[in-house]
N, C-alpha and C. Protein backbone atom coordinates (compact mmCIF):
# COMPACT_ATOMS: atom_id res chain seq x y z
N HIS A 1 -61.04 -56.83 -126.86
CA HIS A 1 -61.27 -57.11 -128.28
C HIS A 1 -60.23 -56.38 -129.13
N SER A 2 -59.97 -56.94 -130.29
CA SER A 2 -58.96 -56.36 -131.18
C SER A 2 -59.51 -55.10 -131.84
N PRO A 3 -58.61 -54.25 -132.30
CA PRO A 3 -59.05 -53.03 -133.01
C PRO A 3 -59.87 -53.36 -134.26
N ARG A 4 -59.56 -54.46 -134.97
CA ARG A 4 -60.34 -54.84 -136.15
C ARG A 4 -61.78 -55.15 -135.78
N PHE A 5 -61.94 -55.87 -134.66
CA PHE A 5 -63.29 -56.21 -134.20
C PHE A 5 -64.06 -54.93 -133.86
N GLN A 6 -63.41 -54.00 -133.17
CA GLN A 6 -64.07 -52.75 -132.79
C GLN A 6 -64.46 -51.93 -134.02
N ILE A 7 -63.60 -51.93 -135.05
CA ILE A 7 -63.92 -51.21 -136.29
C ILE A 7 -65.10 -51.89 -136.99
N ALA A 8 -65.13 -53.23 -137.00
CA ALA A 8 -66.23 -53.95 -137.64
C ALA A 8 -67.55 -53.64 -136.92
N VAL A 9 -67.53 -53.62 -135.60
CA VAL A 9 -68.73 -53.31 -134.84
C VAL A 9 -69.18 -51.88 -135.12
N LEU A 10 -68.23 -50.95 -135.19
CA LEU A 10 -68.56 -49.55 -135.49
C LEU A 10 -69.17 -49.43 -136.88
N LEU A 11 -68.60 -50.10 -137.87
CA LEU A 11 -69.14 -50.06 -139.23
C LEU A 11 -70.55 -50.66 -139.28
N LEU A 12 -70.75 -51.78 -138.60
CA LEU A 12 -72.08 -52.38 -138.57
C LEU A 12 -73.08 -51.46 -137.90
N SER A 13 -72.67 -50.77 -136.85
CA SER A 13 -73.61 -49.86 -136.17
C SER A 13 -73.96 -48.67 -137.06
N LEU A 14 -73.06 -48.28 -137.95
CA LEU A 14 -73.38 -47.19 -138.87
C LEU A 14 -74.32 -47.66 -139.98
N ILE A 15 -74.14 -48.90 -140.42
CA ILE A 15 -74.96 -49.45 -141.49
C ILE A 15 -76.35 -49.83 -140.97
N LEU A 16 -76.41 -50.42 -139.78
CA LEU A 16 -77.66 -50.93 -139.20
C LEU A 16 -77.94 -50.24 -137.87
N PRO A 17 -78.20 -48.92 -137.86
CA PRO A 17 -78.32 -48.22 -136.58
C PRO A 17 -79.54 -48.62 -135.75
N ASP A 18 -80.64 -49.00 -136.37
CA ASP A 18 -81.87 -49.22 -135.61
C ASP A 18 -82.09 -50.68 -135.20
N THR A 19 -81.21 -51.58 -135.61
CA THR A 19 -81.47 -52.99 -135.33
C THR A 19 -80.75 -53.48 -134.08
N GLY A 20 -79.90 -52.67 -133.48
CA GLY A 20 -79.12 -53.09 -132.33
C GLY A 20 -79.92 -53.77 -131.23
N PRO A 21 -80.92 -53.11 -130.65
CA PRO A 21 -81.64 -53.75 -129.54
C PRO A 21 -82.37 -55.02 -129.94
N TRP A 22 -82.81 -55.14 -131.20
CA TRP A 22 -83.57 -56.32 -131.62
C TRP A 22 -82.69 -57.55 -131.75
N LEU A 23 -81.37 -57.34 -131.93
CA LEU A 23 -80.50 -58.49 -132.16
C LEU A 23 -80.45 -59.42 -130.94
N CYS A 24 -80.58 -58.88 -129.74
CA CYS A 24 -80.43 -59.68 -128.54
C CYS A 24 -81.75 -59.98 -127.85
N GLN A 25 -82.85 -59.43 -128.32
CA GLN A 25 -84.14 -59.64 -127.67
C GLN A 25 -84.95 -60.70 -128.41
N PRO A 26 -85.62 -61.59 -127.66
CA PRO A 26 -86.47 -62.57 -128.34
C PRO A 26 -87.68 -61.87 -128.98
N ALA A 27 -88.13 -62.41 -130.09
CA ALA A 27 -89.32 -61.85 -130.75
C ALA A 27 -90.54 -62.11 -129.86
N PRO A 28 -91.49 -61.16 -129.82
CA PRO A 28 -92.69 -61.39 -129.02
C PRO A 28 -93.49 -62.57 -129.55
N ARG A 29 -94.19 -63.24 -128.66
CA ARG A 29 -94.96 -64.42 -129.04
C ARG A 29 -96.45 -64.18 -128.84
N CYS A 30 -97.21 -64.86 -129.70
CA CYS A 30 -98.66 -64.85 -129.61
C CYS A 30 -99.07 -66.31 -129.71
N GLY A 31 -99.45 -66.90 -128.58
CA GLY A 31 -99.68 -68.33 -128.58
C GLY A 31 -98.36 -69.02 -128.86
N ASP A 32 -98.28 -69.82 -129.92
CA ASP A 32 -97.03 -70.50 -130.25
C ASP A 32 -96.33 -69.89 -131.46
N GLN A 33 -96.76 -68.68 -131.87
CA GLN A 33 -96.16 -68.02 -133.04
C GLN A 33 -95.48 -66.72 -132.62
N THR A 34 -94.46 -66.33 -133.39
CA THR A 34 -93.82 -65.03 -133.17
C THR A 34 -94.46 -64.02 -134.11
N TYR A 35 -94.38 -62.74 -133.73
CA TYR A 35 -94.94 -61.69 -134.60
C TYR A 35 -94.08 -60.44 -134.51
N ASP A 36 -94.25 -59.55 -135.47
CA ASP A 36 -93.51 -58.30 -135.55
C ASP A 36 -94.36 -57.19 -134.92
N PRO A 37 -93.99 -56.69 -133.73
CA PRO A 37 -94.80 -55.68 -133.06
C PRO A 37 -94.85 -54.33 -133.77
N LEU A 38 -94.01 -54.13 -134.78
CA LEU A 38 -94.07 -52.89 -135.55
C LEU A 38 -95.17 -52.94 -136.60
N GLU A 39 -95.66 -54.16 -136.90
CA GLU A 39 -96.70 -54.32 -137.93
C GLU A 39 -97.92 -55.09 -137.44
N GLN A 40 -97.78 -55.80 -136.31
CA GLN A 40 -98.85 -56.69 -135.85
C GLN A 40 -99.04 -56.58 -134.34
N CYS A 41 -100.16 -57.15 -133.87
CA CYS A 41 -100.39 -57.27 -132.43
C CYS A 41 -100.96 -58.65 -132.15
N CYS A 42 -101.02 -58.99 -130.89
CA CYS A 42 -101.59 -60.26 -130.46
C CYS A 42 -102.87 -59.95 -129.69
N ASP A 43 -103.99 -60.46 -130.18
CA ASP A 43 -105.29 -60.23 -129.53
C ASP A 43 -105.94 -61.59 -129.32
N ASN A 44 -106.06 -62.01 -128.07
CA ASN A 44 -106.65 -63.32 -127.74
C ASN A 44 -105.99 -64.45 -128.53
N ASP A 45 -104.67 -64.50 -128.50
CA ASP A 45 -103.88 -65.53 -129.18
C ASP A 45 -104.04 -65.53 -130.70
N THR A 46 -104.45 -64.40 -131.27
CA THR A 46 -104.58 -64.25 -132.72
C THR A 46 -103.70 -63.08 -133.15
N ILE A 47 -102.87 -63.29 -134.16
CA ILE A 47 -102.03 -62.22 -134.70
C ILE A 47 -102.85 -61.40 -135.68
N LEU A 48 -102.91 -60.08 -135.44
CA LEU A 48 -103.67 -59.16 -136.28
C LEU A 48 -102.77 -58.07 -136.81
N PRO A 49 -103.05 -57.52 -138.01
CA PRO A 49 -102.33 -56.33 -138.45
C PRO A 49 -102.73 -55.15 -137.55
N LEU A 50 -101.83 -54.20 -137.35
CA LEU A 50 -102.11 -53.07 -136.45
C LEU A 50 -103.35 -52.28 -136.86
N ASN A 51 -103.69 -52.27 -138.16
CA ASN A 51 -104.84 -51.49 -138.61
C ASN A 51 -106.13 -52.31 -138.68
N ALA A 52 -106.13 -53.51 -138.10
CA ALA A 52 -107.34 -54.34 -138.12
C ALA A 52 -108.46 -53.63 -137.38
N ALA A 53 -109.67 -53.68 -137.93
CA ALA A 53 -110.83 -53.03 -137.33
C ALA A 53 -111.96 -54.05 -137.20
N ARG A 54 -112.75 -53.88 -136.15
CA ARG A 54 -113.91 -54.75 -135.92
C ARG A 54 -115.08 -53.89 -135.47
N LEU A 55 -116.27 -54.48 -135.56
CA LEU A 55 -117.46 -53.79 -135.06
C LEU A 55 -117.66 -54.14 -133.59
N CYS A 56 -117.84 -53.10 -132.78
CA CYS A 56 -118.18 -53.30 -131.38
C CYS A 56 -119.68 -53.57 -131.33
N VAL A 57 -120.44 -52.68 -131.89
CA VAL A 57 -121.88 -52.81 -132.16
C VAL A 57 -122.08 -52.17 -133.53
N PRO A 58 -123.26 -52.32 -134.14
CA PRO A 58 -123.45 -51.69 -135.45
C PRO A 58 -123.09 -50.20 -135.42
N ASN A 59 -122.38 -49.76 -136.45
CA ASN A 59 -121.95 -48.36 -136.61
C ASN A 59 -120.96 -47.91 -135.56
N CYS A 60 -120.22 -48.82 -134.96
CA CYS A 60 -119.22 -48.46 -133.96
C CYS A 60 -118.00 -49.36 -134.12
N ILE A 61 -116.99 -48.83 -134.82
CA ILE A 61 -115.78 -49.58 -135.12
C ILE A 61 -114.76 -49.37 -134.00
N PHE A 62 -114.01 -50.44 -133.71
CA PHE A 62 -112.88 -50.30 -132.79
C PHE A 62 -111.69 -51.05 -133.36
N TYR A 63 -110.50 -50.72 -132.88
CA TYR A 63 -109.25 -51.31 -133.35
C TYR A 63 -108.70 -52.22 -132.25
N PRO A 64 -108.84 -53.55 -132.40
CA PRO A 64 -108.49 -54.46 -131.31
C PRO A 64 -107.02 -54.43 -130.88
N CYS A 65 -106.13 -53.90 -131.69
CA CYS A 65 -104.74 -53.78 -131.26
C CYS A 65 -104.57 -52.68 -130.21
N PHE A 66 -105.49 -51.70 -130.21
CA PHE A 66 -105.35 -50.55 -129.32
C PHE A 66 -106.56 -50.32 -128.42
N GLN A 67 -107.68 -50.95 -128.74
CA GLN A 67 -108.92 -50.68 -128.03
C GLN A 67 -109.63 -51.98 -127.66
N HIS A 68 -110.59 -51.84 -126.76
CA HIS A 68 -111.37 -52.98 -126.29
C HIS A 68 -112.84 -52.58 -126.33
N CYS A 69 -113.70 -53.49 -126.78
CA CYS A 69 -115.14 -53.22 -126.83
C CYS A 69 -115.78 -53.75 -125.55
N CYS A 70 -116.47 -52.88 -124.83
CA CYS A 70 -117.11 -53.25 -123.58
C CYS A 70 -118.61 -53.08 -123.72
N LEU A 71 -119.35 -54.11 -123.44
CA LEU A 71 -120.81 -54.03 -123.47
C LEU A 71 -121.28 -53.91 -122.02
N GLU A 72 -121.99 -52.84 -121.73
CA GLU A 72 -122.43 -52.57 -120.37
C GLU A 72 -123.94 -52.46 -120.33
N SER A 73 -124.52 -52.84 -119.22
CA SER A 73 -125.94 -52.60 -119.04
C SER A 73 -126.13 -51.70 -117.82
N GLN A 74 -126.91 -50.67 -118.01
CA GLN A 74 -127.22 -49.73 -116.93
C GLN A 74 -128.73 -49.73 -116.78
N GLY A 75 -129.21 -50.46 -115.79
CA GLY A 75 -130.65 -50.59 -115.63
C GLY A 75 -131.22 -51.37 -116.80
N SER A 76 -132.20 -50.79 -117.48
CA SER A 76 -132.80 -51.47 -118.63
C SER A 76 -132.09 -51.10 -119.94
N GLN A 77 -131.09 -50.20 -119.87
CA GLN A 77 -130.38 -49.75 -121.06
C GLN A 77 -129.08 -50.53 -121.24
N ASN A 78 -128.78 -50.91 -122.46
CA ASN A 78 -127.49 -51.50 -122.80
C ASN A 78 -126.72 -50.50 -123.63
N GLN A 79 -125.43 -50.40 -123.39
CA GLN A 79 -124.62 -49.52 -124.22
C GLN A 79 -123.26 -50.15 -124.43
N ALA A 80 -122.61 -49.74 -125.49
CA ALA A 80 -121.26 -50.23 -125.80
C ALA A 80 -120.29 -49.08 -125.59
N VAL A 81 -119.17 -49.39 -124.97
CA VAL A 81 -118.13 -48.40 -124.71
C VAL A 81 -116.83 -48.96 -125.27
N VAL A 82 -116.09 -48.13 -125.98
CA VAL A 82 -114.78 -48.52 -126.49
C VAL A 82 -113.75 -47.91 -125.55
N THR A 83 -112.89 -48.77 -124.98
CA THR A 83 -111.86 -48.30 -124.06
C THR A 83 -110.48 -48.53 -124.68
N PHE A 84 -109.52 -47.76 -124.20
CA PHE A 84 -108.14 -47.93 -124.65
C PHE A 84 -107.53 -49.12 -123.94
N LYS A 85 -106.70 -49.88 -124.66
CA LYS A 85 -105.92 -50.93 -124.02
C LYS A 85 -104.68 -50.27 -123.41
N VAL A 86 -104.39 -50.63 -122.19
CA VAL A 86 -103.21 -50.12 -121.52
C VAL A 86 -102.11 -51.17 -121.68
N PRO A 87 -100.97 -50.80 -122.31
CA PRO A 87 -99.91 -51.80 -122.55
C PRO A 87 -99.49 -52.48 -121.25
N GLY A 88 -99.35 -53.80 -121.33
CA GLY A 88 -98.92 -54.58 -120.19
C GLY A 88 -100.02 -54.94 -119.21
N MET A 89 -101.23 -54.45 -119.44
CA MET A 89 -102.34 -54.76 -118.55
C MET A 89 -103.44 -55.49 -119.32
N LYS A 90 -104.13 -56.38 -118.65
CA LYS A 90 -105.25 -57.09 -119.25
C LYS A 90 -106.39 -56.09 -119.45
N PRO A 91 -107.10 -56.12 -120.60
CA PRO A 91 -108.19 -55.17 -120.80
C PRO A 91 -109.25 -55.29 -119.70
N ASP A 92 -109.59 -54.15 -119.11
CA ASP A 92 -110.56 -54.12 -118.03
C ASP A 92 -111.54 -52.99 -118.32
N CYS A 93 -112.80 -53.33 -118.52
CA CYS A 93 -113.80 -52.32 -118.90
C CYS A 93 -114.02 -51.27 -117.82
N ARG A 94 -113.81 -51.61 -116.58
CA ARG A 94 -114.10 -50.66 -115.50
C ARG A 94 -112.98 -49.66 -115.26
N SER A 95 -111.74 -50.08 -115.44
CA SER A 95 -110.63 -49.19 -115.10
C SER A 95 -109.89 -48.62 -116.31
N SER A 96 -110.12 -49.16 -117.51
CA SER A 96 -109.42 -48.64 -118.69
C SER A 96 -110.00 -47.30 -119.11
N PRO A 97 -109.16 -46.39 -119.62
CA PRO A 97 -109.67 -45.09 -120.07
C PRO A 97 -110.62 -45.25 -121.25
N ILE A 98 -111.71 -44.48 -121.22
CA ILE A 98 -112.73 -44.56 -122.28
C ILE A 98 -112.27 -43.81 -123.51
N SER A 99 -112.36 -44.47 -124.65
CA SER A 99 -112.08 -43.85 -125.93
C SER A 99 -113.34 -43.15 -126.45
N ARG A 100 -114.47 -43.87 -126.43
CA ARG A 100 -115.74 -43.26 -126.84
C ARG A 100 -116.90 -44.16 -126.42
N ILE A 101 -118.06 -43.55 -126.33
CA ILE A 101 -119.29 -44.28 -126.05
C ILE A 101 -120.02 -44.41 -127.37
N CYS A 102 -120.37 -45.63 -127.73
CA CYS A 102 -121.05 -45.85 -129.01
C CYS A 102 -122.48 -45.35 -128.93
N ALA A 103 -122.95 -44.84 -130.05
CA ALA A 103 -124.31 -44.29 -130.11
C ALA A 103 -125.33 -45.38 -129.84
N GLN A 104 -126.33 -45.04 -129.06
CA GLN A 104 -127.44 -45.96 -128.79
C GLN A 104 -128.29 -46.06 -130.05
N PRO A 105 -128.75 -47.25 -130.38
CA PRO A 105 -129.71 -47.30 -131.49
C PRO A 105 -130.98 -46.57 -131.07
N SER A 106 -131.42 -45.66 -131.91
CA SER A 106 -132.60 -44.86 -131.54
C SER A 106 -133.85 -45.71 -131.65
N ALA A 107 -134.83 -45.36 -130.87
CA ALA A 107 -136.11 -46.08 -130.91
C ALA A 107 -136.72 -45.84 -132.28
N ARG A 108 -137.24 -46.88 -132.87
CA ARG A 108 -137.83 -46.75 -134.21
C ARG A 108 -139.19 -46.10 -134.10
N SER A 109 -139.39 -45.12 -134.94
CA SER A 109 -140.72 -44.49 -134.97
C SER A 109 -141.16 -44.36 -136.41
N ASP A 110 -142.41 -44.56 -136.64
CA ASP A 110 -142.96 -44.47 -137.99
C ASP A 110 -143.54 -43.09 -138.21
N PHE A 111 -143.16 -42.48 -139.31
CA PHE A 111 -143.68 -41.14 -139.63
C PHE A 111 -144.86 -41.27 -140.57
N ILE A 112 -145.84 -40.41 -140.37
CA ILE A 112 -147.03 -40.44 -141.22
C ILE A 112 -146.90 -39.44 -142.34
């Protein structure tokens, strides 16, 4: 390459230092749409903002971009567990690291 080309590339790298790797990589896809992974995620073919929150069970919020809601039954008891999503792996309630166990709804009792 000519010295002018090398100088132009050097100047562009000084002006746009963080965009280099993105110039040659395809944008991530969610279904048939592209999304910005710095601001969004793909959850079940739906593009969500990174700060999107949902209820796992009442009074137990999880963030679907980073966590997964798992409903488990242990004997006669049901409980909800929020697990971390492991990048590159399909969410799996049994093997994913636990973020927290949601509080069980307490048995209702009437006070006199």
